[in-house]
Every structure is written in structure tokens, then in C-alpha cells.
Amino acid sequence: MIDPSKRIADGFATISLVTRDGEVIDGTKLRETSEELTLRLSSGEIRKVAQKEIQKQSTNSVSAMPPMGEVLTLFEIRDLLAYLGTLK
């Protein structure tokens, strides 16, 4: 929560693609097969891209989640962690 880019959980990394026609597509990988890659774009749109159309693919090392220390106070973070601890 404090530094979400330190370790990005599986399924939450943002992928950047460059297609053969030069289009840049950023999104979260939902599914990958030998035929196509399915991404959820930041708009919420689901986009399928044929593997043969992908020229370049990279994983971004910065989390899309903002550091909670910039959004919540230390007391709010403490309270949130205490609440999450009760959900076990």
C-alpha cells in the first residue's frame, strides 16, 4: 500500500504493446494464448490483439495504484490495516 511499485502482484502489472502498424496499447493482461492477448484498458474496455500483430511487448515497472501515503494519512492507513486484519 505504501509503495505499490515495489512488488506488483501477478495480474496487476500494466503491459505496453506496439502493434505492427505503430499503435501503442497499454492495459492489464487478462488472458494470453498462442493466438491472441486480451487486455483491459484503463477505460475498462476489453481489447484482444492477435499475437502476430504485436511488434513489441513490455511490462511497466510502475504500479497504476498510487502510493497510499500520498492519499491517506498515517492514521487512516493504520485504521485500514486494522480493519483488513479483522477480515481473516
PDB file of N, CA and C in Angstrom:
ATOM      1  N   MET A   1       0.820  -1.198   0.000  1.00  0.00           N
ATOM      2  CA  MET A   1       0.000   0.000   0.000  1.00  0.00           C
ATOM      3  C   MET A   1       0.861   1.258   0.000  1.00  0.00           C
ATOM      4  N   ILE A   2       1.932   1.235   0.749  1.00  0.00           N
ATOM      5  CA  ILE A   2       2.770   2.423   0.862  1.00  0.00           C
ATOM      6  C   ILE A   2       3.592   2.623  -0.412  1.00  0.00           C
ATOM      7  N   ASP A   3       4.150   1.541  -0.946  1.00  0.00           N
ATOM      8  CA  ASP A   3       4.971   1.611  -2.160  1.00  0.00           C
ATOM      9  C   ASP A   3       4.528   0.504  -3.120  1.00  0.00           C
ATOM     10  N   PRO A   4       3.412   0.715  -3.830  1.00  0.00           N
ATOM     11  CA  PRO A   4       2.856  -0.358  -4.663  1.00  0.00           C
ATOM     12  C   PRO A   4       3.755  -0.801  -5.813  1.00  0.00           C
ATOM     13  N   SER A   5       4.698   0.015  -6.217  1.00  0.00           N
ATOM     14  CA  SER A   5       5.588  -0.378  -7.314  1.00  0.00           C
ATOM     15  C   SER A   5       6.729  -1.269  -6.854  1.00  0.00           C
ATOM     16  N   LYS A   6       6.898  -1.406  -5.539  1.00  0.00           N
ATOM     17  CA  LYS A   6       7.987  -2.229  -5.015  1.00  0.00           C
ATOM     18  C   LYS A   6       7.820  -3.684  -5.444  1.00  0.00           C
ATOM     19  N   ARG A   7       6.599  -4.191  -5.354  1.00  0.00           N
ATOM     20  CA  ARG A   7       6.291  -5.555  -5.795  1.00  0.00           C
ATOM     21  C   ARG A   7       4.881  -5.548  -6.340  1.00  0.00           C
ATOM     22  N   ILE A   8       4.748  -5.639  -7.637  1.00  0.00           N
ATOM     23  CA  ILE A   8       3.435  -5.616  -8.277  1.00  0.00           C
ATOM     24  C   ILE A   8       2.892  -7.037  -8.323  1.00  0.00           C
ATOM     25  N   ALA A   9       1.716  -7.229  -7.768  1.00  0.00           N
ATOM     26  CA  ALA A   9       1.107  -8.558  -7.708  1.00  0.00           C
ATOM     27  C   ALA A   9       0.789  -9.067  -9.110  1.00  0.00           C
ATOM     28  N   ASP A  10       0.871 -10.397  -9.268  1.00  0.00           N
ATOM     29  CA  ASP A  10       0.528 -11.020 -10.553  1.00  0.00           C
ATOM     30  C   ASP A  10      -0.874 -10.599 -10.965  1.00  0.00           C
ATOM     31  N   GLY A  11      -1.013 -10.268 -12.232  1.00  0.00           N
ATOM     32  CA  GLY A  11      -2.317  -9.882 -12.750  1.00  0.00           C
ATOM     33  C   GLY A  11      -2.609  -8.393 -12.646  1.00  0.00           C
ATOM     34  N   PHE A  12      -1.696  -7.638 -12.027  1.00  0.00           N
ATOM     35  CA  PHE A  12      -1.919  -6.200 -11.875  1.00  0.00           C
ATOM     36  C   PHE A  12      -0.884  -5.351 -12.596  1.00  0.00           C
ATOM     37  N   ALA A  13       0.078  -5.979 -13.231  1.00  0.00           N
ATOM     38  CA  ALA A  13       1.090  -5.226 -13.978  1.00  0.00           C
ATOM     39  C   ALA A  13       0.482  -4.693 -15.272  1.00  0.00           C
ATOM     40  N   THR A  14       0.920  -3.507 -15.645  1.00  0.00           N
ATOM     41  CA  THR A  14       0.460  -2.914 -16.897  1.00  0.00           C
ATOM     42  C   THR A  14       1.401  -3.334 -18.015  1.00  0.00           C
ATOM     43  N   ILE A  15       0.810  -3.742 -19.129  1.00  0.00           N
ATOM     44  CA  ILE A  15       1.565  -4.189 -20.293  1.00  0.00           C
ATOM     45  C   ILE A  15       1.449  -3.115 -21.378  1.00  0.00           C
ATOM     46  N   SER A  16       2.548  -2.839 -22.044  1.00  0.00           N
ATOM     47  CA  SER A  16       2.543  -1.929 -23.189  1.00  0.00           C
ATOM     48  C   SER A  16       2.849  -2.734 -24.438  1.00  0.00           C
ATOM     49  N   LEU A  17       2.015  -2.535 -25.442  1.00  0.00           N
ATOM     50  CA  LEU A  17       2.214  -3.198 -26.730  1.00  0.00           C
ATOM     51  C   LEU A  17       2.419  -2.153 -27.811  1.00  0.00           C
ATOM     52  N   VAL A  18       3.228  -2.499 -28.786  1.00  0.00           N
ATOM     53  CA  VAL A  18       3.312  -1.723 -30.011  1.00  0.00           C
ATOM     54  C   VAL A  18       2.951  -2.698 -31.117  1.00  0.00           C
ATOM     55  N   THR A  19       1.924  -2.347 -31.886  1.00  0.00           N
ATOM     56  CA  THR A  19       1.481  -3.232 -32.959  1.00  0.00           C
ATOM     57  C   THR A  19       2.301  -2.972 -34.220  1.00  0.00           C
ATOM     58  N   ARG A  20       2.175  -3.846 -35.176  1.00  0.00           N
ATOM     59  CA  ARG A  20       2.923  -3.723 -36.432  1.00  0.00           C
ATOM     60  C   ARG A  20       2.592  -2.434 -37.180  1.00  0.00           C
ATOM     61  N   ASP A  21       1.387  -1.894 -36.965  1.00  0.00           N
ATOM     62  CA  ASP A  21       1.033  -0.630 -37.619  1.00  0.00           C
ATOM     63  C   ASP A  21       1.356   0.589 -36.764  1.00  0.00           C
ATOM     64  N   GLY A  22       2.095   0.397 -35.632  1.00  0.00           N
ATOM     65  CA  GLY A  22       2.572   1.504 -34.812  1.00  0.00           C
ATOM     66  C   GLY A  22       1.653   1.941 -33.691  1.00  0.00           C
ATOM     67  N   GLU A  23       0.514   1.286 -33.510  1.00  0.00           N
ATOM     68  CA  GLU A  23      -0.395   1.649 -32.430  1.00  0.00           C
ATOM     69  C   GLU A  23       0.192   1.203 -31.092  1.00  0.00           C
ATOM     70  N   VAL A  24       0.119   2.082 -30.089  1.00  0.00           N
ATOM     71  CA  VAL A  24       0.576   1.760 -28.737  1.00  0.00           C
ATOM     72  C   VAL A  24      -0.661   1.472 -27.890  1.00  0.00           C
ATOM     73  N   ILE A  25      -0.658   0.314 -27.224  1.00  0.00           N
ATOM     74  CA  ILE A  25      -1.792  -0.115 -26.404  1.00  0.00           C
ATOM     75  C   ILE A  25      -1.270  -0.454 -25.018  1.00  0.00           C
ATOM     76  N   ASP A  26      -1.860   0.163 -23.990  1.00  0.00           N
ATOM     77  CA  ASP A  26      -1.497  -0.115 -22.604  1.00  0.00           C
ATOM     78  C   ASP A  26      -2.695  -0.714 -21.893  1.00  0.00           C
ATOM     79  N   GLY A  27      -2.461  -1.747 -21.091  1.00  0.00           N
ATOM     80  CA  GLY A  27      -3.548  -2.347 -20.338  1.00  0.00           C
ATOM     81  C   GLY A  27      -3.053  -3.443 -19.415  1.00  0.00           C
ATOM     82  N   THR A  28      -3.980  -4.018 -18.678  1.00  0.00           N
ATOM     83  CA  THR A  28      -3.683  -5.125 -17.775  1.00  0.00           C
ATOM     84  C   THR A  28      -4.008  -6.427 -18.488  1.00  0.00           C
ATOM     85  N   LYS A  29      -3.069  -7.374 -18.466  1.00  0.00           N
ATOM     86  CA  LYS A  29      -3.275  -8.641 -19.164  1.00  0.00           C
ATOM     87  C   LYS A  29      -4.336  -9.468 -18.461  1.00  0.00           C
ATOM     88  N   LEU A  30      -5.373  -9.837 -19.200  1.00  0.00           N
ATOM     89  CA  LEU A  30      -6.416 -10.703 -18.669  1.00  0.00           C
ATOM     90  C   LEU A  30      -6.192 -12.151 -19.069  1.00  0.00           C
ATOM     91  N   ARG A  31      -5.718 -12.332 -20.305  1.00  0.00           N
ATOM     92  CA  ARG A  31      -5.535 -13.691 -20.819  1.00  0.00           C
ATOM     93  C   ARG A  31      -4.547 -13.654 -21.970  1.00  0.00           C
ATOM     94  N   GLU A  32      -3.788 -14.737 -22.106  1.00  0.00           N
ATOM     95  CA  GLU A  32      -2.858 -14.843 -23.227  1.00  0.00           C
ATOM     96  C   GLU A  32      -2.871 -16.267 -23.746  1.00  0.00           C
ATOM     97  N   THR A  33      -3.035 -16.388 -25.044  1.00  0.00           N
ATOM     98  CA  THR A  33      -2.954 -17.677 -25.720  1.00  0.00           C
ATOM     99  C   THR A  33      -1.898 -17.551 -26.811  1.00  0.00           C
ATOM    100  N   SER A  34      -1.649 -18.623 -27.507  1.00  0.00           N
ATOM    101  CA  SER A  34      -0.686 -18.566 -28.610  1.00  0.00           C
ATOM    102  C   SER A  34      -1.224 -17.734 -29.773  1.00  0.00           C
ATOM    103  N   GLU A  35      -2.535 -17.523 -29.789  1.00  0.00           N
ATOM    104  CA  GLU A  35      -3.169 -16.775 -30.884  1.00  0.00           C
ATOM    105  C   GLU A  35      -3.388 -15.295 -30.583  1.00  0.00           C
ATOM    106  N   GLU A  36      -3.747 -14.964 -29.309  1.00  0.00           N
ATOM    107  CA  GLU A  36      -4.066 -13.571 -29.007  1.00  0.00           C
ATOM    108  C   GLU A  36      -3.800 -13.218 -27.551  1.00  0.00           C
ATOM    109  N   LEU A  37      -3.710 -11.916 -27.310  1.00  0.00           N
ATOM    110  CA  LEU A  37      -3.522 -11.364 -25.977  1.00  0.00           C
ATOM    111  C   LEU A  37      -4.743 -10.506 -25.678  1.00  0.00           C
ATOM    112  N   THR A  38      -5.353 -10.712 -24.507  1.00  0.00           N
ATOM    113  CA  THR A  38      -6.528  -9.946 -24.112  1.00  0.00           C
ATOM    114  C   THR A  38      -6.143  -9.007 -22.990  1.00  0.00           C
ATOM    115  N   LEU A  39      -6.409  -7.707 -23.186  1.00  0.00           N
ATOM    116  CA  LEU A  39      -6.067  -6.673 -22.211  1.00  0.00           C
ATOM    117  C   LEU A  39      -7.309  -5.927 -21.763  1.00  0.00           C
ATOM    118  N   ARG A  40      -7.267  -5.444 -20.514  1.00  0.00           N
ATOM    119  CA  ARG A  40      -8.278  -4.492 -20.038  1.00  0.00           C
ATOM    120  C   ARG A  40      -7.599  -3.129 -20.054  1.00  0.00           C
ATOM    121  N   LEU A  41      -8.117  -2.226 -20.863  1.00  0.00           N
ATOM    122  CA  LEU A  41      -7.560  -0.888 -20.961  1.00  0.00           C
ATOM    123  C   LEU A  41      -7.999  -0.053 -19.762  1.00  0.00           C
ATOM    124  N   SER A  42      -7.338   1.073 -19.536  1.00  0.00           N
ATOM    125  CA  SER A  42      -7.680   1.920 -18.386  1.00  0.00           C
ATOM    126  C   SER A  42      -9.112   2.437 -18.465  1.00  0.00           C
ATOM    127  N   SER A  43      -9.677   2.490 -19.653  1.00  0.00           N
ATOM    128  CA  SER A  43     -11.070   2.924 -19.839  1.00  0.00           C
ATOM    129  C   SER A  43     -12.060   1.844 -19.425  1.00  0.00           C
ATOM    130  N   GLY A  44     -11.550   0.624 -19.189  1.00  0.00           N
ATOM    131  CA  GLY A  44     -12.408  -0.507 -18.853  1.00  0.00           C
ATOM    132  C   GLY A  44     -12.707  -1.378 -20.059  1.00  0.00           C
ATOM    133  N   GLU A  45     -12.395  -0.876 -21.235  1.00  0.00           N
ATOM    134  CA  GLU A  45     -12.625  -1.631 -22.481  1.00  0.00           C
ATOM    135  C   GLU A  45     -11.745  -2.881 -22.509  1.00  0.00           C
ATOM    136  N   ILE A  46     -12.302  -3.984 -22.998  1.00  0.00           N
ATOM    137  CA  ILE A  46     -11.557  -5.228 -23.190  1.00  0.00           C
ATOM    138  C   ILE A  46     -11.081  -5.243 -24.640  1.00  0.00           C
ATOM    139  N   ARG A  47      -9.792  -5.452 -24.836  1.00  0.00           N
ATOM    140  CA  ARG A  47      -9.220  -5.404 -26.183  1.00  0.00           C
ATOM    141  C   ARG A  47      -8.433  -6.674 -26.448  1.00  0.00           C
ATOM    142  N   LYS A  48      -8.725  -7.318 -27.575  1.00  0.00           N
ATOM    143  CA  LYS A  48      -7.991  -8.512 -27.993  1.00  0.00           C
ATOM    144  C   LYS A  48      -7.064  -8.133 -29.138  1.00  0.00           C
ATOM    145  N   VAL A  49      -5.810  -8.574 -29.023  1.00  0.00           N
ATOM    146  CA  VAL A  49      -4.810  -8.275 -30.046  1.00  0.00           C
ATOM    147  C   VAL A  49      -4.194  -9.589 -30.489  1.00  0.00           C
ATOM    148  N   ALA A  50      -4.185  -9.824 -31.779  1.00  0.00           N
ATOM    149  CA  ALA A  50      -3.581 -11.041 -32.320  1.00  0.00           C
ATOM    150  C   ALA A  50      -2.076 -11.023 -32.059  1.00  0.00           C
ATOM    151  N   GLN A  51      -1.536 -12.149 -31.626  1.00  0.00           N
ATOM    152  CA  GLN A  51      -0.101 -12.243 -31.329  1.00  0.00           C
ATOM    153  C   GLN A  51       0.736 -11.843 -32.545  1.00  0.00           C
ATOM    154  N   LYS A  52       0.277 -12.217 -33.744  1.00  0.00           N
ATOM    155  CA  LYS A  52       1.045 -11.907 -34.952  1.00  0.00           C
ATOM    156  C   LYS A  52       1.088 -10.417 -35.258  1.00  0.00           C
ATOM    157  N   GLU A  53       0.201  -9.627 -34.628  1.00  0.00           N
ATOM    158  CA  GLU A  53       0.175  -8.174 -34.838  1.00  0.00           C
ATOM    159  C   GLU A  53       1.051  -7.426 -33.841  1.00  0.00           C
ATOM    160  N   ILE A  54       1.564  -8.120 -32.820  1.00  0.00           N
ATOM    161  CA  ILE A  54       2.375  -7.476 -31.787  1.00  0.00           C
ATOM    162  C   ILE A  54       3.829  -7.414 -32.240  1.00  0.00           C
ATOM    163  N   GLN A  55       4.333  -6.185 -32.346  1.00  0.00           N
ATOM    164  CA  GLN A  55       5.727  -5.990 -32.735  1.00  0.00           C
ATOM    165  C   GLN A  55       6.626  -5.969 -31.502  1.00  0.00           C
ATOM    166  N   LYS A  56       6.151  -5.310 -30.422  1.00  0.00           N
ATOM    167  CA  LYS A  56       6.940  -5.187 -29.207  1.00  0.00           C
ATOM    168  C   LYS A  56       6.007  -5.254 -28.001  1.00  0.00           C
ATOM    169  N   GLN A  57       6.461  -5.901 -26.938  1.00  0.00           N
ATOM    170  CA  GLN A  57       5.666  -6.019 -25.714  1.00  0.00           C
ATOM    171  C   GLN A  57       6.591  -5.819 -24.520  1.00  0.00           C
ATOM    172  N   SER A  58       6.151  -4.991 -23.557  1.00  0.00           N
ATOM    173  CA  SER A  58       6.944  -4.785 -22.347  1.00  0.00           C
ATOM    174  C   SER A  58       6.014  -4.635 -21.151  1.00  0.00           C
ATOM    175  N   THR A  59       6.549  -4.960 -19.983  1.00  0.00           N
ATOM    176  CA  THR A  59       5.799  -4.821 -18.738  1.00  0.00           C
ATOM    177  C   THR A  59       6.300  -3.576 -18.033  1.00  0.00           C
ATOM    178  N   ASN A  60       5.377  -2.712 -17.640  1.00  0.00           N
ATOM    179  CA  ASN A  60       5.751  -1.488 -16.929  1.00  0.00           C
ATOM    180  C   ASN A  60       6.089  -1.813 -15.482  1.00  0.00           C
ATOM    181  N   SER A  61       7.121  -1.172 -14.956  1.00  0.00           N
ATOM    182  CA  SER A  61       7.561  -1.443 -13.589  1.00  0.00           C
ATOM    183  C   SER A  61       6.930  -0.503 -12.568  1.00  0.00           C
ATOM    184  N   VAL A  62       6.037   0.375 -13.021  1.00  0.00           N
ATOM    185  CA  VAL A  62       5.359   1.307 -12.118  1.00  0.00           C
ATOM    186  C   VAL A  62       3.903   0.879 -11.988  1.00  0.00           C
ATOM    187  N   SER A  63       3.465   0.728 -10.756  1.00  0.00           N
ATOM    188  CA  SER A  63       2.089   0.318 -10.494  1.00  0.00           C
ATOM    189  C   SER A  63       1.117   1.434 -10.840  1.00  0.00           C
ATOM    190  N   ALA A  64      -0.058   1.046 -11.326  1.00  0.00           N
ATOM    191  CA  ALA A  64      -1.109   2.019 -11.603  1.00  0.00           C
ATOM    192  C   ALA A  64      -1.746   2.525 -10.311  1.00  0.00           C
ATOM    193  N   MET A  65      -1.558   1.774  -9.225  1.00  0.00           N
ATOM    194  CA  MET A  65      -2.107   2.189  -7.933  1.00  0.00           C
ATOM    195  C   MET A  65      -1.224   3.273  -7.331  1.00  0.00           C
ATOM    196  N   PRO A  66      -1.810   4.396  -6.924  1.00  0.00           N
ATOM    197  CA  PRO A  66      -0.981   5.446  -6.327  1.00  0.00           C
ATOM    198  C   PRO A  66      -0.508   5.030  -4.935  1.00  0.00           C
ATOM    199  N   PRO A  67       0.651   5.520  -4.506  1.00  0.00           N
ATOM    200  CA  PRO A  67       1.096   5.235  -3.139  1.00  0.00           C
ATOM    201  C   PRO A  67       0.080   5.787  -2.142  1.00  0.00           C
ATOM    202  N   MET A  68      -0.388   4.947  -1.246  1.00  0.00           N
ATOM    203  CA  MET A  68      -1.428   5.362  -0.308  1.00  0.00           C
ATOM    204  C   MET A  68      -0.954   6.419   0.677  1.00  0.00           C
ATOM    205  N   GLY A  69       0.371   6.532   0.868  1.00  0.00           N
ATOM    206  CA  GLY A  69       0.903   7.573   1.727  1.00  0.00           C
ATOM    207  C   GLY A  69       0.651   8.964   1.177  1.00  0.00           C
ATOM    208  N   GLU A  70       0.354   9.048  -0.121  1.00  0.00           N
ATOM    209  CA  GLU A  70       0.040  10.332  -0.755  1.00  0.00           C
ATOM    210  C   GLU A  70      -1.463  10.610  -0.746  1.00  0.00           C
ATOM    211  N   VAL A  71      -2.260   9.593  -0.412  1.00  0.00           N
ATOM    212  CA  VAL A  71      -3.714   9.719  -0.455  1.00  0.00           C
ATOM    213  C   VAL A  71      -4.311   9.710   0.949  1.00  0.00           C
ATOM    214  N   LEU A  72      -3.778   8.842   1.810  1.00  0.00           N
ATOM    215  CA  LEU A  72      -4.301   8.681   3.167  1.00  0.00           C
ATOM    216  C   LEU A  72      -3.298   9.200   4.192  1.00  0.00           C
ATOM    217  N   THR A  73      -3.804   9.621   5.335  1.00  0.00           N
ATOM    218  CA  THR A  73      -2.913   9.998   6.435  1.00  0.00           C
ATOM    219  C   THR A  73      -2.395   8.721   7.099  1.00  0.00           C
ATOM    220  N   LEU A  74      -1.372   8.856   7.943  1.00  0.00           N
ATOM    221  CA  LEU A  74      -0.839   7.690   8.666  1.00  0.00           C
ATOM    222  C   LEU A  74      -1.912   7.052   9.540  1.00  0.00           C
ATOM    223  N   PHE A  75      -2.785   7.871  10.135  1.00  0.00           N
ATOM    224  CA  PHE A  75      -3.858   7.333  10.970  1.00  0.00           C
ATOM    225  C   PHE A  75      -4.866   6.542  10.126  1.00  0.00           C
ATOM    226  N   GLU A  76      -5.163   7.044   8.933  1.00  0.00           N
ATOM    227  CA  GLU A  76      -6.100   6.332   8.049  1.00  0.00           C
ATOM    228  C   GLU A  76      -5.502   5.014   7.572  1.00  0.00           C
ATOM    229  N   ILE A  77      -4.218   4.997   7.286  1.00  0.00           N
ATOM    230  CA  ILE A  77      -3.549   3.755   6.879  1.00  0.00           C
ATOM    231  C   ILE A  77      -3.583   2.755   8.031  1.00  0.00           C
ATOM    232  N   ARG A  78      -3.298   3.227   9.235  1.00  0.00           N
ATOM    233  CA  ARG A  78      -3.356   2.362  10.420  1.00  0.00           C
ATOM    234  C   ARG A  78      -4.747   1.766  10.585  1.00  0.00           C
ATOM    235  N   ASP A  79      -5.776   2.611  10.455  1.00  0.00           N
ATOM    236  CA  ASP A  79      -7.151   2.145  10.604  1.00  0.00           C
ATOM    237  C   ASP A  79      -7.517   1.138   9.513  1.00  0.00           C
ATOM    238  N   LEU A  80      -7.084   1.400   8.295  1.00  0.00           N
ATOM    239  CA  LEU A  80      -7.360   0.481   7.183  1.00  0.00           C
ATOM    240  C   LEU A  80      -6.704  -0.872   7.424  1.00  0.00           C
ATOM    241  N   LEU A  81      -5.452  -0.864   7.849  1.00  0.00           N
ATOM    242  CA  LEU A  81      -4.753  -2.126   8.131  1.00  0.00           C
ATOM    243  C   LEU A  81      -5.413  -2.883   9.280  1.00  0.00           C
ATOM    244  N   ALA A  82      -5.869  -2.158  10.291  1.00  0.00           N
ATOM    245  CA  ALA A  82      -6.561  -2.804  11.410  1.00  0.00           C
ATOM    246  C   ALA A  82      -7.851  -3.452  10.912  1.00  0.00           C
ATOM    247  N   TYR A  83      -8.578  -2.746  10.056  1.00  0.00           N
ATOM    248  CA  TYR A  83      -9.823  -3.305   9.507  1.00  0.00           C
ATOM    249  C   TYR A  83      -9.531  -4.536   8.657  1.00  0.00           C
ATOM    250  N   LEU A  84      -8.540  -4.443   7.775  1.00  0.00           N
ATOM    251  CA  LEU A  84      -8.211  -5.585   6.916  1.00  0.00           C
ATOM    252  C   LEU A  84      -7.813  -6.796   7.751  1.00  0.00           C
ATOM    253  N   GLY A  85      -7.168  -6.554   8.884  1.00  0.00           N
ATOM    254  CA  GLY A  85      -6.769  -7.644   9.772  1.00  0.00           C
ATOM    255  C   GLY A  85      -7.959  -8.373  10.376  1.00  0.00           C
ATOM    256  N   THR A  86      -9.099  -7.714  10.449  1.00  0.00           N
ATOM    257  CA  THR A  86     -10.296  -8.372  11.003  1.00  0.00           C
ATOM    258  C   THR A  86     -10.998  -9.256   9.984  1.00  0.00           C
ATOM    259  N   LEU A  87     -10.596  -9.186   8.723  1.00  0.00           N
ATOM    260  CA  LEU A  87     -11.277  -9.952   7.657  1.00  0.00           C
ATOM    261  C   LEU A  87     -10.739 -11.357   7.492  1.00  0.00           C
ATOM    262  N   LYS A  88      -9.771 -11.757   8.267  1.00  0.00           N
ATOM    263  CA  LYS A  88      -9.179 -13.095   8.140  1.00  0.00           C
ATOM    264  C   LYS A  88     -10.153 -14.193   8.407  1.00  0.00           C
TER     265      LYS A  88
END
